[in-house]
Amino acid sequence: MFTVALPLALAFIMLTLGMSLTPADFGFSLRRPHPLLAGVLCQVVLLPLVAFLLIRLFSLPGELGVGVLVLACCPGGITSNVMTRLARGDVALSISFTALASLITTITLPLILTVGGRALMGTALPAVSITGLGLKMFVMTTLPVLLGVLLRQRRQALTQRWERPCEQMANGLFVLILAITILSEWQTLVANLTSLGPVLLLLNLGMLAIGTAVAQILRLPASQVSAVAIESGFQNGTVGIAVGALLVGGSGPEMGLSAYSLPSGVYGVLMMITILPYLVWRRSIQAMADPSVIEG
């Protein structure tokens, strides 16, 4: 069940993201590369590096350590776009970066897992193929996004009518996947809470701080600082859960999900809690920078 349901749920979530995009959003990335490159630096380069250092620092056990690395290689998702809007951040930048990161992840995630996984496990990860995993990532994430963009172009009225219900359904699926993950791996979670919790909390708070600092050093506007920081500290937990299942070829319902997926599930809960004070802070910053902005 999980082997089929997880990839399908993820594909639907990414399709919903694509339905909110247009080709102009991708063109936005090319016209304004400066803030976009700041996000790429934080999420694609610094995030996996910080995750690896924390895994080593806290001596996280092999499979859980790889699970954290999987999470760190995942792009943001619909949730990061929503949170950017709630923070009164630059939503166009957030959407553009999410789309770009989804494309980059198809290449970077298999490569980082191949190298990092061997370093953490002492041996190659089971059934990890750069080509195979990259292709699966493309089918589960990038292809649905592109199909969503195409659907919006060809059936704009239909897409606009269904975009909101699909987004709500996608968020519901994300919550359901998190619940299934945590319940199915409850004993593993309890057994590793003291080691897993601090790593994930520091990773989340650290990347929010790093994203904020990098954007401020580059003198980006307040709205873009919020977008870069949230994209840096908000990963797509559904992708992490699905990739974790792929690492062991999926598992039967009686087995639940593997420990590779557990960090993504726990992180999905933690980041919803830690993001709240950050949203309040960034909304106040944006309000001072531009008092005319009252929506969201």
Protein backbone atom coordinates (compact mmCIF):
# COMPACT_ATOMS: atom_id res chain seq x y z
CA MET A 1 0.00 0.00 0.00
CA PHE A 2 2.71 2.49 1.04
CA THR A 3 4.83 1.62 -2.00
CA VAL A 4 2.01 2.76 -4.31
CA ALA A 5 0.26 5.37 -2.17
CA LEU A 6 3.29 7.47 -1.23
CA PRO A 7 4.56 8.18 -4.76
CA LEU A 8 1.01 8.85 -5.96
CA ALA A 9 0.32 11.24 -3.08
CA LEU A 10 3.59 13.06 -3.70
CA ALA A 11 2.90 13.30 -7.44
CA PHE A 12 -0.51 14.84 -6.70
CA ILE A 13 1.03 17.37 -4.29
CA MET A 14 3.62 18.38 -6.88
CA LEU A 15 0.92 18.54 -9.60
CA THR A 16 -0.98 20.97 -7.37
CA LEU A 17 2.16 23.09 -7.05
CA GLY A 18 2.50 23.13 -10.84
CA MET A 19 -1.09 24.30 -11.19
CA SER A 20 -0.11 27.48 -9.33
CA LEU A 21 2.78 28.20 -11.72
CA THR A 22 3.08 29.69 -15.17
CA PRO A 23 6.04 29.82 -17.60
CA ALA A 24 6.45 33.44 -16.48
CA ASP A 25 7.35 32.20 -12.99
CA PHE A 26 10.30 30.33 -14.46
CA GLY A 27 11.26 33.40 -16.50
CA PHE A 28 11.21 35.37 -13.25
CA SER A 29 14.17 33.28 -12.09
CA LEU A 30 16.23 34.37 -15.08
CA ARG A 31 15.29 38.04 -14.87
CA ARG A 32 16.10 38.32 -11.16
CA PRO A 33 18.83 35.76 -10.44
CA HIS A 34 20.42 37.53 -7.47
CA PRO A 35 17.90 36.56 -4.74
CA LEU A 36 17.35 33.19 -6.39
CA LEU A 37 21.06 32.35 -6.18
CA ALA A 38 20.97 33.20 -2.47
CA GLY A 39 18.27 30.57 -2.01
CA VAL A 40 20.21 28.02 -4.06
CA LEU A 41 23.31 28.62 -1.93
CA CYS A 42 21.35 28.10 1.29
CA GLN A 43 19.22 25.11 0.33
CA VAL A 44 21.30 23.18 -2.19
CA VAL A 45 24.77 23.79 -0.70
CA LEU A 46 24.61 24.88 2.94
CA LEU A 47 21.61 22.81 4.07
CA PRO A 48 23.10 19.34 3.25
CA LEU A 49 26.45 20.49 4.67
CA VAL A 50 24.92 21.68 7.95
CA ALA A 51 22.85 18.49 8.17
CA PHE A 52 25.92 16.31 7.69
CA LEU A 53 27.85 18.22 10.36
CA LEU A 54 24.95 17.89 12.84
CA ILE A 55 24.64 14.16 12.11
CA ARG A 56 28.34 13.74 12.88
CA LEU A 57 28.23 16.04 15.92
CA PHE A 58 25.36 14.12 17.54
CA SER A 59 26.57 10.69 16.30
CA LEU A 60 23.15 9.91 14.86
CA PRO A 61 22.70 6.19 14.05
CA GLY A 62 23.19 5.14 10.41
CA GLU A 63 19.67 4.87 8.97
CA LEU A 64 18.36 7.88 10.91
CA GLY A 65 21.42 9.87 9.86
CA VAL A 66 20.80 9.03 6.22
CA GLY A 67 17.15 9.99 6.75
CA VAL A 68 18.21 13.45 7.94
CA LEU A 69 20.48 13.75 4.91
CA VAL A 70 17.56 12.75 2.65
CA LEU A 71 15.47 15.50 4.25
CA ALA A 72 18.24 18.06 3.77
CA CYS A 73 18.39 17.28 0.05
CA CYS A 74 14.66 17.81 -0.49
CA PRO A 75 13.27 20.98 -2.05
CA GLY A 76 10.58 23.12 -0.47
CA GLY A 77 6.98 22.60 -1.50
CA ILE A 78 3.53 24.13 -1.47
CA THR A 79 3.79 24.66 2.29
CA SER A 80 6.85 26.90 1.97
CA ASN A 81 4.98 29.02 -0.58
CA VAL A 82 2.02 29.34 1.80
CA MET A 83 4.28 30.21 4.74
CA THR A 84 6.06 32.85 2.64
CA ARG A 85 2.71 34.44 1.89
CA LEU A 86 1.78 34.38 5.61
CA ALA A 87 5.12 36.06 6.40
CA ARG A 88 4.30 38.76 3.81
CA GLY A 89 7.31 37.60 1.86
CA ASP A 90 8.00 37.55 -1.87
CA VAL A 91 5.70 34.72 -3.00
CA ALA A 92 6.79 34.96 -6.65
CA LEU A 93 10.40 34.37 -5.58
CA SER A 94 9.33 31.48 -3.35
CA ILE A 95 7.40 29.78 -6.16
CA SER A 96 10.25 30.28 -8.62
CA PHE A 97 12.77 28.86 -6.21
CA THR A 98 10.58 25.87 -5.35
CA ALA A 99 10.26 25.05 -9.03
CA LEU A 100 14.01 25.45 -9.63
CA ALA A 101 14.95 23.44 -6.53
CA SER A 102 12.65 20.61 -7.63
CA LEU A 103 14.58 20.41 -10.90
CA ILE A 104 18.01 20.61 -9.23
CA THR A 105 17.09 17.99 -6.62
CA THR A 106 16.60 15.41 -9.35
CA ILE A 107 20.38 15.52 -9.80
CA THR A 108 21.77 16.57 -6.41
CA LEU A 109 19.81 14.21 -4.14
CA PRO A 110 21.07 10.93 -5.66
CA LEU A 111 24.64 12.27 -5.81
CA ILE A 112 24.69 13.49 -2.19
CA LEU A 113 23.09 10.28 -0.95
CA THR A 114 25.60 8.16 -2.80
CA VAL A 115 28.56 9.97 -1.19
CA GLY A 116 27.03 10.92 2.16
CA GLY A 117 25.23 7.61 2.60
CA ARG A 118 28.48 5.66 2.26
CA ALA A 119 30.18 7.97 4.77
CA LEU A 120 27.39 7.55 7.32
CA MET A 121 26.67 3.84 6.84
CA GLY A 122 30.18 2.66 6.09
CA THR A 123 28.86 0.98 2.97
CA ALA A 124 26.78 1.83 -0.08
CA LEU A 125 23.08 2.39 0.57
CA PRO A 126 20.83 -0.50 -0.46
CA ALA A 127 19.59 -0.35 -4.04
CA VAL A 128 20.78 3.24 -4.60
CA SER A 129 21.36 4.02 -8.25
CA ILE A 130 22.06 7.60 -9.30
CA THR A 131 20.25 7.08 -12.60
CA GLY A 132 17.39 5.08 -11.11
CA LEU A 133 16.76 7.35 -8.14
CA GLY A 134 17.13 10.46 -10.28
CA LEU A 135 14.55 9.09 -12.72
CA LYS A 136 12.16 8.22 -9.89
CA MET A 137 12.61 11.70 -8.45
CA PHE A 138 11.85 13.21 -11.85
CA VAL A 139 8.68 11.14 -12.23
CA MET A 140 7.46 11.88 -8.70
CA THR A 141 8.33 15.58 -8.48
CA THR A 142 9.46 17.40 -11.62
CA LEU A 143 7.15 15.75 -14.15
CA PRO A 144 3.96 16.46 -12.14
CA VAL A 145 5.03 20.12 -11.72
CA LEU A 146 5.53 20.45 -15.49
CA LEU A 147 2.18 18.76 -16.14
CA GLY A 148 0.52 21.18 -13.72
CA VAL A 149 2.04 24.15 -15.56
CA LEU A 150 0.87 22.72 -18.89
CA LEU A 151 -2.61 22.11 -17.52
CA ARG A 152 -2.83 25.71 -16.32
CA GLN A 153 -1.76 26.93 -19.77
CA ARG A 154 -4.21 24.75 -21.69
CA ARG A 155 -7.18 24.74 -19.29
CA GLN A 156 -6.83 27.97 -17.34
CA ALA A 157 -10.46 28.29 -16.27
CA LEU A 158 -10.61 24.67 -15.13
CA THR A 159 -7.32 24.97 -13.26
CA GLN A 160 -8.33 28.16 -11.46
CA ARG A 161 -11.58 26.53 -10.37
CA TRP A 162 -9.85 23.43 -8.96
CA GLU A 163 -6.60 24.99 -7.71
CA ARG A 164 -7.88 25.83 -4.23
CA PRO A 165 -9.64 22.45 -3.57
CA CYS A 166 -6.57 20.59 -4.88
CA GLU A 167 -4.28 22.64 -2.65
CA GLN A 168 -6.42 21.82 0.39
CA MET A 169 -6.44 18.14 -0.56
CA ALA A 170 -2.64 18.21 -1.04
CA ASN A 171 -2.15 19.71 2.42
CA GLY A 172 -4.48 17.07 3.85
CA LEU A 173 -2.47 14.32 2.18
CA PHE A 174 0.72 15.76 3.64
CA VAL A 175 -0.74 15.70 7.16
CA LEU A 176 -2.03 12.14 6.61
CA ILE A 177 1.38 10.95 5.44
CA LEU A 178 3.02 12.52 8.48
CA ALA A 179 0.54 10.81 10.78
CA ILE A 180 1.04 7.42 9.13
CA THR A 181 4.80 7.80 9.28
CA ILE A 182 4.93 8.72 12.96
CA LEU A 183 2.40 6.07 14.03
CA SER A 184 4.04 3.31 12.02
CA GLU A 185 7.47 4.19 13.44
CA TRP A 186 6.37 5.23 16.92
CA GLN A 187 8.67 2.82 18.74
CA THR A 188 11.63 3.93 16.63
CA LEU A 189 10.73 7.58 17.30
CA VAL A 190 10.55 7.09 21.07
CA ALA A 191 13.79 5.08 21.09
CA ASN A 192 15.66 7.79 19.16
CA LEU A 193 13.90 10.95 20.33
CA THR A 194 16.79 12.21 22.44
CA SER A 195 19.20 11.95 19.51
CA LEU A 196 16.85 12.79 16.61
CA GLY A 197 15.00 15.72 18.19
CA PRO A 198 17.98 18.03 18.85
CA VAL A 199 19.44 17.43 15.38
CA LEU A 200 16.21 18.27 13.58
CA LEU A 201 15.45 21.25 15.81
CA LEU A 202 18.92 22.72 15.31
CA LEU A 203 18.73 22.02 11.58
CA ASN A 204 15.43 23.86 11.26
CA LEU A 205 16.31 26.85 13.44
CA GLY A 206 19.85 26.98 12.08
CA MET A 207 18.75 27.10 8.45
CA LEU A 208 16.12 29.76 9.18
CA ALA A 209 18.89 31.84 10.76
CA ILE A 210 21.40 31.12 7.98
CA GLY A 211 18.87 31.91 5.25
CA THR A 212 18.00 35.18 6.97
CA ALA A 213 21.65 36.12 7.44
CA VAL A 214 22.69 35.30 3.85
CA ALA A 215 19.80 37.31 2.41
CA GLN A 216 20.54 40.26 4.69
CA ILE A 217 24.27 40.18 3.83
CA LEU A 218 23.24 40.40 0.17
CA ARG A 219 21.04 43.40 1.12
CA LEU A 220 17.85 41.87 -0.23
CA PRO A 221 14.51 43.55 0.55
CA ALA A 222 12.66 42.37 3.66
CA SER A 223 10.11 40.40 1.64
CA GLN A 224 12.88 38.48 -0.16
CA VAL A 225 14.74 37.85 3.11
CA SER A 226 11.62 36.10 4.38
CA ALA A 227 11.28 34.05 1.19
CA VAL A 228 14.93 32.90 1.18
CA ALA A 229 14.88 32.00 4.88
CA ILE A 230 11.64 30.02 4.71
CA GLU A 231 12.78 28.13 1.62
CA SER A 232 16.02 27.33 3.47
CA GLY A 233 14.32 26.02 6.60
CA PHE A 234 11.19 24.45 5.10
CA GLN A 235 11.72 21.14 3.30
CA ASN A 236 9.16 18.99 1.52
CA GLY A 237 8.64 16.24 4.09
CA THR A 238 6.54 14.20 1.67
CA VAL A 239 9.47 13.93 -0.74
CA GLY A 240 11.73 12.85 2.11
CA ILE A 241 9.26 10.19 3.25
CA ALA A 242 8.83 8.85 -0.27
CA VAL A 243 12.58 8.78 -1.00
CA GLY A 244 13.18 7.06 2.34
CA ALA A 245 10.76 4.33 1.27
CA LEU A 246 12.48 4.04 -2.11
CA LEU A 247 15.85 3.42 -0.44
CA VAL A 248 14.58 0.08 0.81
CA GLY A 249 12.33 -0.59 -2.15
CA GLY A 250 9.18 0.32 -0.24
CA SER A 251 7.72 -1.74 2.58
CA GLY A 252 4.56 -3.63 3.23
CA PRO A 253 1.74 -2.29 5.42
CA GLU A 254 2.72 -4.67 8.19
CA MET A 255 6.20 -3.11 8.32
CA GLY A 256 5.26 0.56 8.12
CA LEU A 257 7.83 2.98 6.73
CA SER A 258 11.56 2.58 7.15
CA ALA A 259 13.71 4.60 9.54
CA TYR A 260 15.03 6.47 6.49
CA SER A 261 11.64 8.24 6.32
CA LEU A 262 11.23 8.97 10.03
CA PRO A 263 13.29 12.22 10.20
CA SER A 264 11.20 13.74 7.39
CA GLY A 265 8.00 12.93 9.26
CA VAL A 266 9.23 14.35 12.56
CA TYR A 267 10.68 17.42 10.85
CA GLY A 268 7.34 18.07 9.18
CA VAL A 269 5.78 18.43 12.62
CA LEU A 270 8.64 20.42 14.18
CA MET A 271 8.86 22.99 11.41
CA MET A 272 5.14 23.78 11.74
CA ILE A 273 5.78 24.73 15.37
CA THR A 274 9.08 26.60 15.02
CA ILE A 275 7.90 28.61 12.03
CA LEU A 276 5.13 30.37 13.99
CA PRO A 277 7.30 32.87 15.94
CA TYR A 278 9.37 33.44 12.80
CA LEU A 279 6.23 34.31 10.84
CA VAL A 280 5.16 36.80 13.50
CA TRP A 281 8.62 38.42 13.46
CA ARG A 282 8.84 38.65 9.66
CA ARG A 283 5.30 40.04 9.39
CA SER A 284 6.23 42.81 11.81
CA ILE A 285 9.45 43.52 9.89
CA GLN A 286 7.58 43.68 6.59
CA ALA A 287 4.88 45.88 8.11
CA MET A 288 7.55 48.38 9.20
CA ALA A 289 9.24 48.22 5.79
CA ASP A 290 5.98 48.67 3.92
CA PRO A 291 3.00 49.73 6.12
CA SER A 292 0.70 49.65 3.10
CA VAL A 293 0.95 45.84 2.95
CA ILE A 294 -1.96 44.60 5.04
CA GLU A 295 -3.01 41.38 3.28
CA GLY A 296 -2.10 37.85 4.40
